[in-house]
Amino acid sequence: MLKQKKQGAGLEIKTFQDDNEQSYIVYRYSTASGVNSYHVFAEVEAKQVAKLLGEEDSSNTTNAWNKLWRYENEN
């Protein structure tokens, strides 16, 4: 038997860009009662973050992230 799911809440995603061309990803969570909460993430280069997280071979960004993703799932 399936559990009853919450209704009336939603998650919306938009992107914004400032005058310096920095991109932001904004999540807005809206409840049924009309209360909104916002979460903002600054966009960064995936290759740069892979290096910061310890992936030494970041010449291929997809491969680097595949390795990081598998490592996190295993631990």
PDB file of N, CA and C in Angstrom:
ATOM      1  N   MET A   1       0.844  -1.180   0.000  1.00  0.00           N
ATOM      2  CA  MET A   1       0.000   0.000   0.000  1.00  0.00           C
ATOM      3  C   MET A   1       0.890   1.244   0.000  1.00  0.00           C
ATOM      4  N   LEU A   2       0.572   2.200  -0.820  1.00  0.00           N
ATOM      5  CA  LEU A   2       1.343   3.428  -0.913  1.00  0.00           C
ATOM      6  C   LEU A   2       0.899   4.435   0.138  1.00  0.00           C
ATOM      7  N   LYS A   3       1.884   5.182   0.650  1.00  0.00           N
ATOM      8  CA  LYS A   3       1.560   6.241   1.607  1.00  0.00           C
ATOM      9  C   LYS A   3       0.995   7.448   0.871  1.00  0.00           C
ATOM     10  N   GLN A   4       0.127   8.177   1.550  1.00  0.00           N
ATOM     11  CA  GLN A   4      -0.424   9.408   0.992  1.00  0.00           C
ATOM     12  C   GLN A   4       0.706  10.433   0.862  1.00  0.00           C
ATOM     13  N   LYS A   5       0.845  11.044  -0.283  1.00  0.00           N
ATOM     14  CA  LYS A   5       1.887  12.037  -0.532  1.00  0.00           C
ATOM     15  C   LYS A   5       1.413  13.417  -0.124  1.00  0.00           C
ATOM     16  N   LYS A   6       2.373  14.258   0.288  1.00  0.00           N
ATOM     17  CA  LYS A   6       2.046  15.644   0.605  1.00  0.00           C
ATOM     18  C   LYS A   6       1.572  16.343  -0.656  1.00  0.00           C
ATOM     19  N   GLN A   7       0.618  17.222  -0.502  1.00  0.00           N
ATOM     20  CA  GLN A   7       0.105  17.970  -1.635  1.00  0.00           C
ATOM     21  C   GLN A   7       0.197  19.456  -1.348  1.00  0.00           C
ATOM     22  N   GLY A   8       0.282  20.240  -2.407  1.00  0.00           N
ATOM     23  CA  GLY A   8       0.251  21.683  -2.257  1.00  0.00           C
ATOM     24  C   GLY A   8       1.608  22.324  -2.039  1.00  0.00           C
ATOM     25  N   ALA A   9       2.667  21.549  -2.058  1.00  0.00           N
ATOM     26  CA  ALA A   9       4.010  22.109  -1.907  1.00  0.00           C
ATOM     27  C   ALA A   9       4.723  21.980  -3.240  1.00  0.00           C
ATOM     28  N   GLY A  10       5.653  22.887  -3.502  1.00  0.00           N
ATOM     29  CA  GLY A  10       6.345  22.819  -4.773  1.00  0.00           C
ATOM     30  C   GLY A  10       7.778  23.291  -4.671  1.00  0.00           C
ATOM     31  N   LEU A  11       8.590  22.827  -5.596  1.00  0.00           N
ATOM     32  CA  LEU A  11       9.980  23.237  -5.688  1.00  0.00           C
ATOM     33  C   LEU A  11      10.179  23.838  -7.066  1.00  0.00           C
ATOM     34  N   GLU A  12      10.588  25.099  -7.094  1.00  0.00           N
ATOM     35  CA  GLU A  12      10.840  25.789  -8.354  1.00  0.00           C
ATOM     36  C   GLU A  12      12.327  26.133  -8.431  1.00  0.00           C
ATOM     37  N   ILE A  13      12.860  26.158  -9.643  1.00  0.00           N
ATOM     38  CA  ILE A  13      14.268  26.475  -9.856  1.00  0.00           C
ATOM     39  C   ILE A  13      14.367  27.550 -10.930  1.00  0.00           C
ATOM     40  N   LYS A  14      15.163  28.583 -10.648  1.00  0.00           N
ATOM     41  CA  LYS A  14      15.444  29.632 -11.625  1.00  0.00           C
ATOM     42  C   LYS A  14      16.929  29.942 -11.578  1.00  0.00           C
ATOM     43  N   THR A  15      17.423  30.493 -12.672  1.00  0.00           N
ATOM     44  CA  THR A  15      18.800  30.968 -12.688  1.00  0.00           C
ATOM     45  C   THR A  15      18.801  32.478 -12.864  1.00  0.00           C
ATOM     46  N   PHE A  16      19.782  33.114 -12.235  1.00  0.00           N
ATOM     47  CA  PHE A  16      19.943  34.558 -12.318  1.00  0.00           C
ATOM     48  C   PHE A  16      21.398  34.852 -12.627  1.00  0.00           C
ATOM     49  N   GLN A  17      21.650  36.021 -13.187  1.00  0.00           N
ATOM     50  CA  GLN A  17      23.021  36.440 -13.482  1.00  0.00           C
ATOM     51  C   GLN A  17      23.187  37.885 -13.042  1.00  0.00           C
ATOM     52  N   ASP A  18      24.296  38.162 -12.317  1.00  0.00           N
ATOM     53  CA  ASP A  18      24.528  39.533 -11.869  1.00  0.00           C
ATOM     54  C   ASP A  18      25.303  40.322 -12.920  1.00  0.00           C
ATOM     55  N   ASP A  19      25.614  41.564 -12.611  1.00  0.00           N
ATOM     56  CA  ASP A  19      26.300  42.446 -13.564  1.00  0.00           C
ATOM     57  C   ASP A  19      27.711  41.971 -13.905  1.00  0.00           C
ATOM     58  N   ASN A  20      28.302  41.147 -13.020  1.00  0.00           N
ATOM     59  CA  ASN A  20      29.645  40.599 -13.266  1.00  0.00           C
ATOM     60  C   ASN A  20      29.600  39.251 -13.979  1.00  0.00           C
ATOM     61  N   GLU A  21      28.423  38.871 -14.443  1.00  0.00           N
ATOM     62  CA  GLU A  21      28.184  37.613 -15.157  1.00  0.00           C
ATOM     63  C   GLU A  21      28.355  36.377 -14.278  1.00  0.00           C
ATOM     64  N   GLN A  22      28.254  36.547 -12.969  1.00  0.00           N
ATOM     65  CA  GLN A  22      28.225  35.401 -12.053  1.00  0.00           C
ATOM     66  C   GLN A  22      26.822  34.817 -12.105  1.00  0.00           C
ATOM     67  N   SER A  23      26.741  33.506 -12.263  1.00  0.00           N
ATOM     68  CA  SER A  23      25.434  32.842 -12.337  1.00  0.00           C
ATOM     69  C   SER A  23      25.043  32.272 -10.981  1.00  0.00           C
ATOM     70  N   TYR A  24      23.743  32.323 -10.687  1.00  0.00           N
ATOM     71  CA  TYR A  24      23.197  31.796  -9.448  1.00  0.00           C
ATOM     72  C   TYR A  24      22.024  30.880  -9.772  1.00  0.00           C
ATOM     73  N   ILE A  25      21.956  29.774  -9.080  1.00  0.00           N
ATOM     74  CA  ILE A  25      20.831  28.856  -9.191  1.00  0.00           C
ATOM     75  C   ILE A  25      20.030  29.031  -7.906  1.00  0.00           C
ATOM     76  N   VAL A  26      18.743  29.361  -8.042  1.00  0.00           N
ATOM     77  CA  VAL A  26      17.912  29.638  -6.880  1.00  0.00           C
ATOM     78  C   VAL A  26      16.770  28.628  -6.832  1.00  0.00           C
ATOM     79  N   TYR A  27      16.634  27.977  -5.670  1.00  0.00           N
ATOM     80  CA  TYR A  27      15.530  27.060  -5.429  1.00  0.00           C
ATOM     81  C   TYR A  27      14.539  27.758  -4.514  1.00  0.00           C
ATOM     82  N   ARG A  28      13.276  27.719  -4.904  1.00  0.00           N
ATOM     83  CA  ARG A  28      12.226  28.254  -4.039  1.00  0.00           C
ATOM     84  C   ARG A  28      11.297  27.120  -3.673  1.00  0.00           C
ATOM     85  N   TYR A  29      11.158  26.895  -2.383  1.00  0.00           N
ATOM     86  CA  TYR A  29      10.233  25.888  -1.883  1.00  0.00           C
ATOM     87  C   TYR A  29       9.006  26.604  -1.357  1.00  0.00           C
ATOM     88  N   SER A  30       7.861  26.286  -1.905  1.00  0.00           N
ATOM     89  CA  SER A  30       6.596  26.917  -1.509  1.00  0.00           C
ATOM     90  C   SER A  30       5.714  25.896  -0.815  1.00  0.00           C
ATOM     91  N   THR A  31       5.223  26.256   0.355  1.00  0.00           N
ATOM     92  CA  THR A  31       4.318  25.365   1.074  1.00  0.00           C
ATOM     93  C   THR A  31       2.875  25.677   0.700  1.00  0.00           C
ATOM     94  N   ALA A  32       1.980  24.795   1.086  1.00  0.00           N
ATOM     95  CA  ALA A  32       0.558  24.975   0.799  1.00  0.00           C
ATOM     96  C   ALA A  32       0.015  26.235   1.473  1.00  0.00           C
ATOM     97  N   SER A  33       0.619  26.635   2.595  1.00  0.00           N
ATOM     98  CA  SER A  33       0.142  27.826   3.316  1.00  0.00           C
ATOM     99  C   SER A  33       0.719  29.116   2.742  1.00  0.00           C
ATOM    100  N   GLY A  34       1.531  29.024   1.679  1.00  0.00           N
ATOM    101  CA  GLY A  34       2.054  30.214   1.023  1.00  0.00           C
ATOM    102  C   GLY A  34       3.393  30.703   1.553  1.00  0.00           C
ATOM    103  N   VAL A  35       4.018  29.935   2.430  1.00  0.00           N
ATOM    104  CA  VAL A  35       5.332  30.312   2.960  1.00  0.00           C
ATOM    105  C   VAL A  35       6.404  29.864   1.979  1.00  0.00           C
ATOM    106  N   ASN A  36       7.319  30.769   1.633  1.00  0.00           N
ATOM    107  CA  ASN A  36       8.404  30.451   0.706  1.00  0.00           C
ATOM    108  C   ASN A  36       9.731  30.438   1.435  1.00  0.00           C
ATOM    109  N   SER A  37      10.592  29.525   1.041  1.00  0.00           N
ATOM    110  CA  SER A  37      11.977  29.568   1.501  1.00  0.00           C
ATOM    111  C   SER A  37      12.856  29.473   0.260  1.00  0.00           C
ATOM    112  N   TYR A  38      13.986  30.173   0.298  1.00  0.00           N
ATOM    113  CA  TYR A  38      14.878  30.270  -0.852  1.00  0.00           C
ATOM    114  C   TYR A  38      16.254  29.733  -0.493  1.00  0.00           C
ATOM    115  N   HIS A  39      16.860  29.038  -1.445  1.00  0.00           N
ATOM    116  CA  HIS A  39      18.218  28.527  -1.292  1.00  0.00           C
ATOM    117  C   HIS A  39      18.980  28.915  -2.548  1.00  0.00           C
ATOM    118  N   VAL A  40      20.129  29.582  -2.373  1.00  0.00           N
ATOM    119  CA  VAL A  40      20.886  30.127  -3.503  1.00  0.00           C
ATOM    120  C   VAL A  40      22.252  29.454  -3.584  1.00  0.00           C
ATOM    121  N   PHE A  41      22.611  29.064  -4.789  1.00  0.00           N
ATOM    122  CA  PHE A  41      23.901  28.430  -5.059  1.00  0.00           C
ATOM    123  C   PHE A  41      24.606  29.212  -6.153  1.00  0.00           C
ATOM    124  N   ALA A  42      25.872  29.514  -5.936  1.00  0.00           N
ATOM    125  CA  ALA A  42      26.663  30.190  -6.960  1.00  0.00           C
ATOM    126  C   ALA A  42      27.248  29.134  -7.887  1.00  0.00           C
ATOM    127  N   GLU A  43      27.147  29.384  -9.168  1.00  0.00           N
ATOM    128  CA  GLU A  43      27.676  28.440 -10.152  1.00  0.00           C
ATOM    129  C   GLU A  43      29.193  28.595 -10.250  1.00  0.00           C
ATOM    130  N   VAL A  44      29.885  27.468 -10.242  1.00  0.00           N
ATOM    131  CA  VAL A  44      31.338  27.451 -10.398  1.00  0.00           C
ATOM    132  C   VAL A  44      31.700  26.429 -11.461  1.00  0.00           C
ATOM    133  N   GLU A  45      32.921  26.488 -11.942  1.00  0.00           N
ATOM    134  CA  GLU A  45      33.378  25.532 -12.950  1.00  0.00           C
ATOM    135  C   GLU A  45      33.490  24.138 -12.338  1.00  0.00           C
ATOM    136  N   ALA A  46      32.877  23.160 -12.958  1.00  0.00           N
ATOM    137  CA  ALA A  46      32.893  21.785 -12.462  1.00  0.00           C
ATOM    138  C   ALA A  46      34.320  21.241 -12.381  1.00  0.00           C
ATOM    139  N   LYS A  47      35.135  21.592 -13.368  1.00  0.00           N
ATOM    140  CA  LYS A  47      36.520  21.117 -13.380  1.00  0.00           C
ATOM    141  C   LYS A  47      37.279  21.655 -12.166  1.00  0.00           C
ATOM    142  N   GLN A  48      37.061  22.918 -11.837  1.00  0.00           N
ATOM    143  CA  GLN A  48      37.736  23.546 -10.701  1.00  0.00           C
ATOM    144  C   GLN A  48      37.354  22.856  -9.386  1.00  0.00           C
ATOM    145  N   VAL A  49      36.080  22.571  -9.212  1.00  0.00           N
ATOM    146  CA  VAL A  49      35.615  21.929  -7.984  1.00  0.00           C
ATOM    147  C   VAL A  49      36.135  20.495  -7.899  1.00  0.00           C
ATOM    148  N   ALA A  50      36.172  19.777  -9.011  1.00  0.00           N
ATOM    149  CA  ALA A  50      36.710  18.417  -9.010  1.00  0.00           C
ATOM    150  C   ALA A  50      38.152  18.417  -8.499  1.00  0.00           C
ATOM    151  N   LYS A  51      38.947  19.385  -8.944  1.00  0.00           N
ATOM    152  CA  LYS A  51      40.328  19.505  -8.455  1.00  0.00           C
ATOM    153  C   LYS A  51      40.354  19.784  -6.960  1.00  0.00           C
ATOM    154  N   LEU A  52      39.510  20.706  -6.498  1.00  0.00           N
ATOM    155  CA  LEU A  52      39.464  21.049  -5.083  1.00  0.00           C
ATOM    156  C   LEU A  52      39.059  19.861  -4.216  1.00  0.00           C
ATOM    157  N   LEU A  53      38.261  18.959  -4.778  1.00  0.00           N
ATOM    158  CA  LEU A  53      37.816  17.779  -4.045  1.00  0.00           C
ATOM    159  C   LEU A  53      38.798  16.619  -4.137  1.00  0.00           C
ATOM    160  N   GLY A  54      39.934  16.854  -4.794  1.00  0.00           N
ATOM    161  CA  GLY A  54      40.990  15.852  -4.798  1.00  0.00           C
ATOM    162  C   GLY A  54      41.100  15.002  -6.040  1.00  0.00           C
ATOM    163  N   GLU A  55      40.319  15.258  -7.055  1.00  0.00           N
ATOM    164  CA  GLU A  55      40.424  14.476  -8.288  1.00  0.00           C
ATOM    165  C   GLU A  55      41.610  15.006  -9.084  1.00  0.00           C
ATOM    166  N   GLU A  56      42.665  14.223  -9.126  1.00  0.00           N
ATOM    167  CA  GLU A  56      43.907  14.674  -9.751  1.00  0.00           C
ATOM    168  C   GLU A  56      43.805  14.777 -11.267  1.00  0.00           C
ATOM    169  N   ASP A  57      43.137  13.823 -11.899  1.00  0.00           N
ATOM    170  CA  ASP A  57      43.011  13.845 -13.361  1.00  0.00           C
ATOM    171  C   ASP A  57      41.704  14.521 -13.736  1.00  0.00           C
ATOM    172  N   SER A  58      41.743  15.842 -13.844  1.00  0.00           N
ATOM    173  CA  SER A  58      40.527  16.577 -14.192  1.00  0.00           C
ATOM    174  C   SER A  58      40.565  17.051 -15.642  1.00  0.00           C
ATOM    175  N   SER A  59      41.379  16.379 -16.478  1.00  0.00           N
ATOM    176  CA  SER A  59      41.435  16.764 -17.883  1.00  0.00           C
ATOM    177  C   SER A  59      40.106  16.480 -18.581  1.00  0.00           C
ATOM    178  N   ASN A  60      39.392  15.464 -18.109  1.00  0.00           N
ATOM    179  CA  ASN A  60      38.062  15.158 -18.621  1.00  0.00           C
ATOM    180  C   ASN A  60      37.090  15.335 -17.466  1.00  0.00           C
ATOM    181  N   THR A  61      36.330  16.414 -17.495  1.00  0.00           N
ATOM    182  CA  THR A  61      35.466  16.767 -16.368  1.00  0.00           C
ATOM    183  C   THR A  61      34.433  15.687 -16.064  1.00  0.00           C
ATOM    184  N   THR A  62      33.841  15.104 -17.081  1.00  0.00           N
ATOM    185  CA  THR A  62      32.827  14.065 -16.862  1.00  0.00           C
ATOM    186  C   THR A  62      33.429  12.863 -16.156  1.00  0.00           C
ATOM    187  N   ASN A  63      34.591  12.405 -16.605  1.00  0.00           N
ATOM    188  CA  ASN A  63      35.240  11.264 -15.954  1.00  0.00           C
ATOM    189  C   ASN A  63      35.608  11.582 -14.509  1.00  0.00           C
ATOM    190  N   ALA A  64      36.102  12.798 -14.275  1.00  0.00           N
ATOM    191  CA  ALA A  64      36.464  13.201 -12.915  1.00  0.00           C
ATOM    192  C   ALA A  64      35.247  13.142 -12.001  1.00  0.00           C
ATOM    193  N   TRP A  65      34.122  13.674 -12.459  1.00  0.00           N
ATOM    194  CA  TRP A  65      32.924  13.668 -11.629  1.00  0.00           C
ATOM    195  C   TRP A  65      32.332  12.280 -11.479  1.00  0.00           C
ATOM    196  N   ASN A  66      32.452  11.438 -12.513  1.00  0.00           N
ATOM    197  CA  ASN A  66      31.998  10.048 -12.377  1.00  0.00           C
ATOM    198  C   ASN A  66      32.764   9.351 -11.260  1.00  0.00           C
ATOM    199  N   LYS A  67      34.082   9.577 -11.192  1.00  0.00           N
ATOM    200  CA  LYS A  67      34.904   8.975 -10.130  1.00  0.00           C
ATOM    201  C   LYS A  67      34.496   9.512  -8.761  1.00  0.00           C
ATOM    202  N   LEU A  68      34.347  10.823  -8.652  1.00  0.00           N
ATOM    203  CA  LEU A  68      33.954  11.418  -7.373  1.00  0.00           C
ATOM    204  C   LEU A  68      32.581  10.928  -6.925  1.00  0.00           C
ATOM    205  N   TRP A  69      31.641  10.847  -7.856  1.00  0.00           N
ATOM    206  CA  TRP A  69      30.277  10.425  -7.535  1.00  0.00           C
ATOM    207  C   TRP A  69      30.265   8.989  -7.017  1.00  0.00           C
ATOM    208  N   ARG A  70      31.013   8.105  -7.690  1.00  0.00           N
ATOM    209  CA  ARG A  70      31.087   6.695  -7.246  1.00  0.00           C
ATOM    210  C   ARG A  70      31.733   6.598  -5.886  1.00  0.00           C
ATOM    211  N   TYR A  71      32.810   7.374  -5.650  1.00  0.00           N
ATOM    212  CA  TYR A  71      33.502   7.345  -4.371  1.00  0.00           C
ATOM    213  C   TYR A  71      32.566   7.735  -3.234  1.00  0.00           C
ATOM    214  N   GLU A  72      31.774   8.778  -3.424  1.00  0.00           N
ATOM    215  CA  GLU A  72      30.848   9.229  -2.391  1.00  0.00           C
ATOM    216  C   GLU A  72      29.772   8.198  -2.125  1.00  0.00           C
ATOM    217  N   ASN A  73      29.308   7.503  -3.173  1.00  0.00           N
ATOM    218  CA  ASN A  73      28.273   6.480  -2.985  1.00  0.00           C
ATOM    219  C   ASN A  73      28.805   5.257  -2.251  1.00  0.00           C
ATOM    220  N   GLU A  74      30.101   4.991  -2.388  1.00  0.00           N
ATOM    221  CA  GLU A  74      30.705   3.824  -1.743  1.00  0.00           C
ATOM    222  C   GLU A  74      31.003   4.076  -0.273  1.00  0.00           C
ATOM    223  N   ASN A  75      31.138   5.343   0.103  1.00  0.00           N
ATOM    224  CA  ASN A  75      31.518   5.667   1.499  1.00  0.00           C
ATOM    225  C   ASN A  75      30.365   6.171   2.316  1.00  0.00           C
TER     226      ASN A  75
END
